Amino acid sequence: MKRETVTIIIDKDEQSDINRVRFRNYKGFKEQFNQFQEAINRKLDFDDITIDVYDKMVIYFNKKNYSPNTIGRHVKSLKAIIVDSKRSRLALLTHKLTGKNSNQ
């Protein structure tokens, strides 16, 4: 089975100030996450995101002297990406099995 690496694609939605802030946060997280992967010499798969990887990421950010709020924001971004990925996979699986979108 082919493993899916964590590739973060960010679409900018300029409809509201909240979306602009979210876009800026995700863009910053993407850069930091890519640097983290370089630091551990590994491209992570979704299945690799475990509590151990989480701990390593927090240690990495602490070594960079990031504030707890910044670290928390990056953790929140990672969680949101994982949840969205799971929803997208479920919608794709539902569509493949039934031929219908999961929101129909």
N, C-alpha and C. Protein backbone atom coordinates (compact mmCIF):
# COMPACT_ATOMS: atom_id res chain seq x y z
N MET A 1 0.84 -1.17 0.00
CA MET A 1 0.00 0.00 0.00
C MET A 1 0.88 1.24 0.00
N LYS A 2 0.60 2.16 -0.88
CA LYS A 2 1.38 3.39 -0.98
C LYS A 2 1.06 4.30 0.21
N ARG A 3 2.13 4.79 0.83
CA ARG A 3 1.95 5.70 1.96
C ARG A 3 1.89 7.12 1.44
N GLU A 4 1.06 7.90 2.05
CA GLU A 4 0.85 9.27 1.61
C GLU A 4 1.65 10.20 2.50
N THR A 5 2.62 10.91 1.91
CA THR A 5 3.41 11.85 2.70
C THR A 5 2.58 13.08 3.02
N VAL A 6 2.98 13.74 4.07
CA VAL A 6 2.28 14.94 4.50
C VAL A 6 2.71 16.08 3.61
N THR A 7 1.85 16.48 2.72
CA THR A 7 2.10 17.61 1.85
C THR A 7 1.03 18.64 2.17
N ILE A 8 1.47 19.79 2.55
CA ILE A 8 0.54 20.83 2.97
C ILE A 8 0.31 21.78 1.80
N ILE A 9 -0.93 21.83 1.36
CA ILE A 9 -1.33 22.73 0.28
C ILE A 9 -2.29 23.74 0.89
N ILE A 10 -1.99 24.98 0.70
CA ILE A 10 -2.78 26.02 1.32
C ILE A 10 -3.42 26.87 0.23
N ASP A 11 -4.74 26.99 0.28
CA ASP A 11 -5.46 27.86 -0.63
C ASP A 11 -5.83 29.13 0.10
N LYS A 12 -5.59 30.24 -0.54
CA LYS A 12 -5.90 31.52 0.09
C LYS A 12 -7.34 31.91 -0.25
N ASP A 13 -8.12 32.13 0.77
CA ASP A 13 -9.49 32.58 0.63
C ASP A 13 -9.56 33.97 1.24
N GLU A 14 -9.77 34.96 0.42
CA GLU A 14 -9.72 36.34 0.91
C GLU A 14 -11.11 36.87 1.27
N GLN A 15 -12.02 36.00 1.64
CA GLN A 15 -13.37 36.44 1.95
C GLN A 15 -13.49 37.15 3.28
N SER A 16 -12.62 36.85 4.22
CA SER A 16 -12.75 37.48 5.53
C SER A 16 -11.39 37.64 6.19
N ASP A 17 -11.35 38.48 7.20
CA ASP A 17 -10.12 38.68 7.96
C ASP A 17 -9.70 37.39 8.66
N ILE A 18 -10.67 36.60 9.12
CA ILE A 18 -10.36 35.35 9.81
C ILE A 18 -9.62 34.42 8.86
N ASN A 19 -10.08 34.31 7.62
CA ASN A 19 -9.42 33.44 6.66
C ASN A 19 -8.02 33.93 6.32
N ARG A 20 -7.83 35.26 6.29
CA ARG A 20 -6.49 35.80 6.04
C ARG A 20 -5.55 35.44 7.18
N VAL A 21 -6.04 35.52 8.41
CA VAL A 21 -5.22 35.15 9.57
C VAL A 21 -4.92 33.65 9.53
N ARG A 22 -5.93 32.85 9.26
CA ARG A 22 -5.74 31.39 9.18
C ARG A 22 -4.73 31.05 8.09
N PHE A 23 -4.85 31.70 6.95
CA PHE A 23 -3.91 31.47 5.85
C PHE A 23 -2.49 31.80 6.29
N ARG A 24 -2.31 32.92 6.94
CA ARG A 24 -0.98 33.33 7.41
C ARG A 24 -0.44 32.31 8.42
N ASN A 25 -1.29 31.83 9.33
CA ASN A 25 -0.86 30.83 10.31
C ASN A 25 -0.46 29.53 9.64
N TYR A 26 -1.27 29.05 8.69
CA TYR A 26 -0.95 27.80 8.00
C TYR A 26 0.31 27.94 7.15
N LYS A 27 0.46 29.10 6.53
CA LYS A 27 1.66 29.34 5.73
C LYS A 27 2.91 29.28 6.61
N GLY A 28 2.84 29.90 7.78
CA GLY A 28 3.95 29.84 8.73
C GLY A 28 4.19 28.43 9.23
N PHE A 29 3.10 27.71 9.50
CA PHE A 29 3.24 26.32 9.96
C PHE A 29 3.88 25.46 8.88
N LYS A 30 3.47 25.64 7.64
CA LYS A 30 4.02 24.85 6.54
C LYS A 30 5.53 25.01 6.49
N GLU A 31 6.01 26.21 6.58
CA GLU A 31 7.46 26.46 6.55
C GLU A 31 8.15 25.78 7.74
N GLN A 32 7.58 25.93 8.92
CA GLN A 32 8.17 25.33 10.12
C GLN A 32 8.13 23.80 10.06
N PHE A 33 7.04 23.25 9.55
CA PHE A 33 6.91 21.80 9.45
C PHE A 33 7.93 21.24 8.46
N ASN A 34 8.13 21.93 7.35
CA ASN A 34 9.14 21.49 6.38
C ASN A 34 10.53 21.55 7.00
N GLN A 35 10.82 22.59 7.76
CA GLN A 35 12.12 22.69 8.44
C GLN A 35 12.28 21.58 9.48
N PHE A 36 11.20 21.25 10.18
CA PHE A 36 11.23 20.15 11.15
C PHE A 36 11.56 18.83 10.45
N GLN A 37 10.92 18.58 9.31
CA GLN A 37 11.20 17.35 8.56
C GLN A 37 12.66 17.30 8.12
N GLU A 38 13.20 18.43 7.70
CA GLU A 38 14.62 18.49 7.33
C GLU A 38 15.50 18.19 8.55
N ALA A 39 15.13 18.73 9.69
CA ALA A 39 15.92 18.55 10.91
C ALA A 39 15.97 17.09 11.35
N ILE A 40 14.88 16.35 11.10
CA ILE A 40 14.87 14.94 11.49
C ILE A 40 15.23 14.03 10.32
N ASN A 41 15.59 14.66 9.19
CA ASN A 41 16.01 13.92 7.99
C ASN A 41 14.97 12.90 7.54
N ARG A 42 13.73 13.35 7.48
CA ARG A 42 12.65 12.41 7.15
C ARG A 42 11.43 13.16 6.64
N LYS A 43 10.86 12.66 5.55
CA LYS A 43 9.57 13.15 5.10
C LYS A 43 8.52 12.29 5.79
N LEU A 44 7.64 12.93 6.51
CA LEU A 44 6.66 12.20 7.30
C LEU A 44 5.45 11.81 6.48
N ASP A 45 4.93 10.62 6.77
CA ASP A 45 3.66 10.16 6.24
C ASP A 45 2.59 10.46 7.28
N PHE A 46 1.33 10.49 6.84
CA PHE A 46 0.26 10.73 7.80
C PHE A 46 0.28 9.68 8.91
N ASP A 47 0.61 8.45 8.55
CA ASP A 47 0.66 7.38 9.54
C ASP A 47 1.80 7.57 10.54
N ASP A 48 2.78 8.40 10.18
CA ASP A 48 3.92 8.65 11.06
C ASP A 48 3.60 9.66 12.17
N ILE A 49 2.52 10.38 12.02
CA ILE A 49 2.20 11.42 13.00
C ILE A 49 1.65 10.73 14.25
N THR A 50 2.55 10.55 15.21
CA THR A 50 2.22 9.89 16.47
C THR A 50 2.58 10.82 17.62
N ILE A 51 2.35 10.36 18.82
CA ILE A 51 2.71 11.16 19.99
C ILE A 51 4.22 11.35 20.05
N ASP A 52 4.99 10.38 19.56
CA ASP A 52 6.45 10.52 19.53
C ASP A 52 6.87 11.65 18.59
N VAL A 53 6.26 11.72 17.42
CA VAL A 53 6.57 12.79 16.47
C VAL A 53 6.13 14.12 17.06
N TYR A 54 4.97 14.14 17.69
CA TYR A 54 4.49 15.35 18.35
C TYR A 54 5.51 15.82 19.39
N ASP A 55 5.99 14.90 20.22
CA ASP A 55 6.97 15.26 21.25
C ASP A 55 8.25 15.80 20.62
N LYS A 56 8.72 15.16 19.56
CA LYS A 56 9.93 15.62 18.87
C LYS A 56 9.73 17.02 18.28
N MET A 57 8.53 17.25 17.74
CA MET A 57 8.24 18.56 17.15
C MET A 57 8.23 19.64 18.22
N VAL A 58 7.62 19.35 19.36
CA VAL A 58 7.58 20.32 20.46
C VAL A 58 9.00 20.60 20.97
N ILE A 59 9.82 19.56 21.11
CA ILE A 59 11.22 19.74 21.53
C ILE A 59 11.96 20.60 20.50
N TYR A 60 11.74 20.31 19.23
CA TYR A 60 12.36 21.09 18.15
C TYR A 60 12.00 22.56 18.26
N PHE A 61 10.71 22.86 18.47
CA PHE A 61 10.28 24.25 18.59
C PHE A 61 10.83 24.90 19.86
N ASN A 62 10.90 24.13 20.94
CA ASN A 62 11.48 24.66 22.17
C ASN A 62 12.95 25.02 21.98
N LYS A 63 13.69 24.19 21.25
CA LYS A 63 15.10 24.47 20.98
C LYS A 63 15.26 25.74 20.16
N LYS A 64 14.24 26.08 19.38
CA LYS A 64 14.26 27.31 18.59
C LYS A 64 13.78 28.51 19.43
N ASN A 65 13.55 28.25 20.73
CA ASN A 65 13.11 29.28 21.68
C ASN A 65 11.77 29.90 21.31
N TYR A 66 10.88 29.09 20.76
CA TYR A 66 9.54 29.57 20.46
C TYR A 66 8.74 29.65 21.75
N SER A 67 7.85 30.61 21.81
CA SER A 67 6.99 30.75 22.99
C SER A 67 5.98 29.61 23.03
N PRO A 68 5.45 29.32 24.21
CA PRO A 68 4.40 28.29 24.30
C PRO A 68 3.21 28.60 23.39
N ASN A 69 2.86 29.86 23.23
CA ASN A 69 1.74 30.22 22.36
C ASN A 69 2.03 29.88 20.89
N THR A 70 3.26 30.14 20.45
CA THR A 70 3.64 29.82 19.07
C THR A 70 3.63 28.31 18.86
N ILE A 71 4.19 27.58 19.81
CA ILE A 71 4.19 26.12 19.71
C ILE A 71 2.76 25.60 19.68
N GLY A 72 1.92 26.12 20.54
CA GLY A 72 0.52 25.71 20.57
C GLY A 72 -0.19 25.99 19.26
N ARG A 73 0.11 27.14 18.65
CA ARG A 73 -0.51 27.48 17.37
C ARG A 73 -0.09 26.48 16.29
N HIS A 74 1.19 26.09 16.29
CA HIS A 74 1.66 25.12 15.30
C HIS A 74 1.03 23.75 15.54
N VAL A 75 0.92 23.35 16.78
CA VAL A 75 0.28 22.06 17.11
C VAL A 75 -1.18 22.09 16.65
N LYS A 76 -1.85 23.20 16.90
CA LYS A 76 -3.25 23.34 16.48
C LYS A 76 -3.38 23.24 14.96
N SER A 77 -2.43 23.84 14.24
CA SER A 77 -2.45 23.75 12.78
C SER A 77 -2.27 22.31 12.32
N LEU A 78 -1.33 21.60 12.93
CA LEU A 78 -1.10 20.21 12.57
C LEU A 78 -2.36 19.37 12.82
N LYS A 79 -2.99 19.57 13.95
CA LYS A 79 -4.22 18.83 14.26
C LYS A 79 -5.31 19.12 13.23
N ALA A 80 -5.46 20.38 12.86
CA ALA A 80 -6.50 20.75 11.89
C ALA A 80 -6.23 20.10 10.54
N ILE A 81 -4.97 20.05 10.14
CA ILE A 81 -4.62 19.43 8.86
C ILE A 81 -4.91 17.94 8.90
N ILE A 82 -4.59 17.29 10.01
CA ILE A 82 -4.84 15.85 10.14
C ILE A 82 -6.34 15.56 10.11
N VAL A 83 -7.12 16.35 10.85
CA VAL A 83 -8.58 16.15 10.87
C VAL A 83 -9.16 16.35 9.47
N ASP A 84 -8.71 17.41 8.78
CA ASP A 84 -9.20 17.67 7.43
C ASP A 84 -8.82 16.54 6.49
N SER A 85 -7.62 16.03 6.64
CA SER A 85 -7.17 14.91 5.81
C SER A 85 -8.05 13.69 6.03
N LYS A 86 -8.36 13.40 7.29
CA LYS A 86 -9.21 12.24 7.58
C LYS A 86 -10.60 12.42 6.99
N ARG A 87 -11.14 13.64 7.06
CA ARG A 87 -12.45 13.91 6.47
C ARG A 87 -12.40 13.72 4.96
N SER A 88 -11.34 14.23 4.34
CA SER A 88 -11.21 14.10 2.88
C SER A 88 -11.08 12.64 2.47
N ARG A 89 -10.32 11.87 3.23
CA ARG A 89 -10.18 10.44 2.93
C ARG A 89 -11.51 9.73 3.08
N LEU A 90 -12.27 10.07 4.13
CA LEU A 90 -13.58 9.45 4.35
C LEU A 90 -14.52 9.81 3.21
N ALA A 91 -14.51 11.07 2.78
CA ALA A 91 -15.38 11.49 1.68
C ALA A 91 -15.00 10.76 0.40
N LEU A 92 -13.70 10.60 0.15
CA LEU A 92 -13.24 9.89 -1.04
C LEU A 92 -13.64 8.42 -0.97
N LEU A 93 -13.46 7.79 0.19
CA LEU A 93 -13.84 6.39 0.35
C LEU A 93 -15.34 6.22 0.16
N THR A 94 -16.14 7.10 0.76
CA THR A 94 -17.60 7.03 0.62
C THR A 94 -17.99 7.16 -0.84
N HIS A 95 -17.35 8.09 -1.54
CA HIS A 95 -17.66 8.29 -2.95
C HIS A 95 -17.29 7.05 -3.77
N LYS A 96 -16.15 6.45 -3.47
CA LYS A 96 -15.73 5.24 -4.20
C LYS A 96 -16.67 4.07 -3.93
N LEU A 97 -17.16 3.96 -2.71
CA LEU A 97 -18.01 2.82 -2.35
C LEU A 97 -19.44 2.99 -2.83
N THR A 98 -19.96 4.23 -2.77
CA THR A 98 -21.37 4.44 -3.08
C THR A 98 -21.62 5.21 -4.35
N GLY A 99 -20.59 5.90 -4.84
CA GLY A 99 -20.77 6.75 -6.01
C GLY A 99 -21.41 8.08 -5.66
N LYS A 100 -21.57 8.34 -4.35
CA LYS A 100 -22.18 9.60 -3.90
C LYS A 100 -21.18 10.33 -3.01
N ASN A 101 -21.31 11.65 -3.01
CA ASN A 101 -20.54 12.44 -2.07
C ASN A 101 -21.04 12.18 -0.66
N SER A 102 -20.14 12.26 0.33
CA SER A 102 -20.54 11.97 1.72
C SER A 102 -21.50 13.00 2.28
N ASN A 103 -21.61 14.19 1.64
CA ASN A 103 -22.52 15.21 2.17
C ASN A 103 -23.85 15.21 1.45
N GLN A 104 -24.12 14.19 0.66
CA GLN A 104 -25.43 14.13 -0.04
C GLN A 104 -26.44 13.43 0.82
